[in-house]
Amino acid sequence: MDWTTLLFSFKGRINRGKYWLAILIYLVIWIAFIAAAVMWLGGFDTDRLFSMVGAAILLWLAAIVLIVAGTWSGIATGIKRLHDREKSGWWILVFWLGPSVLSGIGSTSSASTSFVFHIASFAVTIWAIVELGFLRGTAGPNEYGPDPLAALATAPRV
């Protein structure tokens, strides 16, 4: 599986290792982007305020591109992990939107019910981490494709 298929395709299955590799790629890209932004802007100096506006606009545009690509890729890799677990890709909506919706409801609720919604949001987040990152996929082929670990098991050792 090539990088573009791994990070941007919604079809097929990936194992836990490739899922965590994708997360590592996201982290490295964001750390590099933030480090480059800090070095490029060089700190806040009121004498250079107007010259920094152009750089800030470029950084915002780059951040928007990274956010869109990262969101697409995160959803794609999550769906492929769900496929490996023999679940519909639509479950990604629960994992991506569920915590936000529950926290939003909790933030606008009374103090007595707010806690329940925030705990539910946390529980869905933990469920997503366990489901996508730690539970083994279905052994053998399923309706979403061949077992991604089968190719590793049958490969000759060098």
Protein backbone atom coordinates (compact mmCIF):
# COMPACT_ATOMS: atom_id res chain seq x y z
CA MET A 1 0.00 0.00 0.00
CA ASP A 2 1.46 3.33 -1.04
CA TRP A 3 1.38 6.51 1.07
CA THR A 4 -1.50 8.20 -0.73
CA THR A 5 -3.66 5.08 -0.43
CA LEU A 6 -2.74 4.70 3.23
CA LEU A 7 -3.48 8.30 4.11
CA PHE A 8 -6.29 9.36 1.75
CA SER A 9 -8.27 6.35 0.47
CA PHE A 10 -11.44 5.14 2.19
CA LYS A 11 -11.22 1.61 0.75
CA GLY A 12 -9.58 -1.45 2.22
CA ARG A 13 -8.18 -2.33 5.61
CA ILE A 14 -5.13 -1.34 7.63
CA ASN A 15 -3.65 -2.91 10.73
CA ARG A 16 -2.92 -1.16 14.00
CA GLY A 17 0.71 -0.53 13.08
CA LYS A 18 -0.18 1.44 9.96
CA TYR A 19 -2.84 3.34 11.90
CA TRP A 20 -0.29 4.42 14.53
CA LEU A 21 2.21 5.22 11.75
CA ALA A 22 -0.35 7.59 10.22
CA ILE A 23 -0.84 9.28 13.60
CA LEU A 24 2.95 9.62 13.96
CA ILE A 25 3.09 11.22 10.50
CA TYR A 26 0.41 13.76 11.53
CA LEU A 27 2.33 14.62 14.71
CA VAL A 28 5.64 15.08 12.90
CA ILE A 29 4.02 17.31 10.25
CA TRP A 30 2.31 19.49 12.86
CA ILE A 31 5.41 19.80 15.03
CA ALA A 32 7.47 20.76 11.97
CA PHE A 33 4.81 23.28 10.88
CA ILE A 34 4.64 24.91 14.31
CA ALA A 35 8.44 25.04 14.60
CA ALA A 36 8.71 26.59 11.12
CA ALA A 37 5.99 29.12 11.95
CA VAL A 38 7.72 30.19 15.17
CA MET A 39 11.09 30.49 13.42
CA TRP A 40 9.59 32.34 10.45
CA LEU A 41 7.71 34.87 12.55
CA GLY A 42 10.64 35.17 14.94
CA GLY A 43 8.60 36.42 17.85
CA PHE A 44 6.28 39.38 18.22
CA ASP A 45 7.92 42.72 17.46
CA THR A 46 5.74 45.86 17.23
CA ASP A 47 8.21 47.48 14.81
CA ARG A 48 7.63 44.64 12.34
CA LEU A 49 3.88 44.30 12.91
CA PHE A 50 2.75 45.16 9.38
CA SER A 51 5.42 43.05 7.71
CA MET A 52 4.30 40.10 9.85
CA VAL A 53 0.71 40.33 8.58
CA GLY A 54 1.65 38.85 5.20
CA ALA A 55 3.55 36.01 6.85
CA ALA A 56 0.66 35.37 9.22
CA ILE A 57 -1.81 35.16 6.33
CA LEU A 58 0.43 32.65 4.55
CA LEU A 59 0.74 30.62 7.75
CA TRP A 60 -3.04 30.63 8.21
CA LEU A 61 -3.53 29.43 4.62
CA ALA A 62 -0.96 26.67 5.15
CA ALA A 63 -2.66 25.71 8.42
CA ILE A 64 -6.04 25.49 6.68
CA VAL A 65 -4.56 23.19 4.03
CA LEU A 66 -2.99 21.03 6.75
CA ILE A 67 -6.25 20.90 8.71
CA VAL A 68 -8.30 19.86 5.66
CA ALA A 69 -5.74 17.25 4.57
CA GLY A 70 -5.30 15.98 8.13
CA THR A 71 -9.04 15.70 8.72
CA TRP A 72 -9.57 13.85 5.43
CA SER A 73 -6.64 11.56 6.18
CA GLY A 74 -7.70 10.96 9.78
CA ILE A 75 -11.18 9.98 8.67
CA ALA A 76 -9.77 7.76 5.90
CA THR A 77 -7.38 5.88 8.20
CA GLY A 78 -10.08 5.56 10.86
CA ILE A 79 -12.50 4.10 8.33
CA LYS A 80 -9.89 1.59 7.17
CA ARG A 81 -9.30 0.55 10.80
CA LEU A 82 -13.06 0.13 11.25
CA HIS A 83 -13.10 -1.99 8.09
CA ASP A 84 -10.34 -4.12 9.60
CA ARG A 85 -12.58 -4.59 12.65
CA GLU A 86 -15.41 -5.59 10.23
CA LYS A 87 -17.46 -2.52 11.05
CA SER A 88 -19.04 0.04 8.77
CA GLY A 89 -17.04 3.18 8.10
CA TRP A 90 -20.04 5.20 9.25
CA TRP A 91 -19.01 4.47 12.84
CA ILE A 92 -16.34 7.13 12.33
CA LEU A 93 -19.12 9.71 12.77
CA VAL A 94 -19.69 8.49 16.33
CA PHE A 95 -15.97 8.70 17.08
CA TRP A 96 -15.38 12.10 15.46
CA LEU A 97 -18.64 13.93 16.18
CA GLY A 98 -19.88 12.17 19.31
CA PRO A 99 -17.44 13.69 21.81
CA SER A 100 -17.92 17.20 20.40
CA VAL A 101 -21.70 16.98 20.44
CA LEU A 102 -21.79 15.52 23.95
CA SER A 103 -19.36 18.16 25.27
CA GLY A 104 -21.36 20.90 23.57
CA ILE A 105 -24.55 19.70 25.21
CA GLY A 106 -22.71 19.40 28.51
CA SER A 107 -21.41 22.95 28.24
CA THR A 108 -24.91 24.35 27.82
CA SER A 109 -26.54 22.10 30.44
CA SER A 110 -27.11 22.71 34.10
CA ALA A 111 -24.31 21.83 36.48
CA SER A 112 -26.00 18.61 37.56
CA THR A 113 -26.29 17.18 34.02
CA SER A 114 -23.15 18.78 32.56
CA PHE A 115 -20.92 16.27 34.33
CA VAL A 116 -22.82 13.33 32.80
CA PHE A 117 -22.43 14.65 29.25
CA HIS A 118 -18.71 15.35 29.71
CA ILE A 119 -18.14 11.86 31.13
CA ALA A 120 -20.06 10.41 28.17
CA SER A 121 -17.86 12.44 25.80
CA PHE A 122 -14.74 11.12 27.51
CA ALA A 123 -16.09 7.55 27.34
CA VAL A 124 -16.70 7.80 23.58
CA THR A 125 -13.17 9.16 23.11
CA ILE A 126 -11.65 6.26 25.07
CA TRP A 127 -13.83 3.80 23.12
CA ALA A 128 -12.55 5.28 19.83
CA ILE A 129 -8.91 5.04 20.93
CA VAL A 130 -9.33 1.42 22.02
CA GLU A 131 -11.40 0.41 18.98
CA LEU A 132 -9.15 2.04 16.40
CA GLY A 133 -5.75 1.81 18.01
CA PHE A 134 -5.60 -1.28 20.17
CA LEU A 135 -8.10 -3.99 19.19
CA ARG A 136 -6.94 -6.50 16.62
CA GLY A 137 -8.73 -6.64 13.29
CA THR A 138 -10.76 -9.54 11.98
CA ALA A 139 -8.57 -12.53 11.12
CA GLY A 140 -8.77 -13.49 7.46
CA PRO A 141 -10.55 -11.69 4.66
CA ASN A 142 -13.80 -9.84 5.28
CA GLU A 143 -16.18 -7.84 3.08
CA TYR A 144 -13.76 -4.89 3.07
CA GLY A 145 -10.71 -6.74 1.82
CA PRO A 146 -7.96 -9.20 2.70
CA ASP A 147 -6.41 -9.38 6.15
CA PRO A 148 -3.59 -6.79 6.25
CA LEU A 149 -1.63 -9.04 8.62
CA ALA A 150 -1.91 -12.09 6.34
CA ALA A 151 0.64 -10.65 3.91
CA LEU A 152 3.07 -10.10 6.80
CA ALA A 153 2.62 -13.65 8.10
CA THR A 154 3.26 -15.27 4.71
CA ALA A 155 6.20 -13.07 3.69
CA PRO A 156 9.54 -14.91 3.66
CA ARG A 157 11.94 -13.95 6.42
CA VAL A 158 15.27 -12.57 5.31
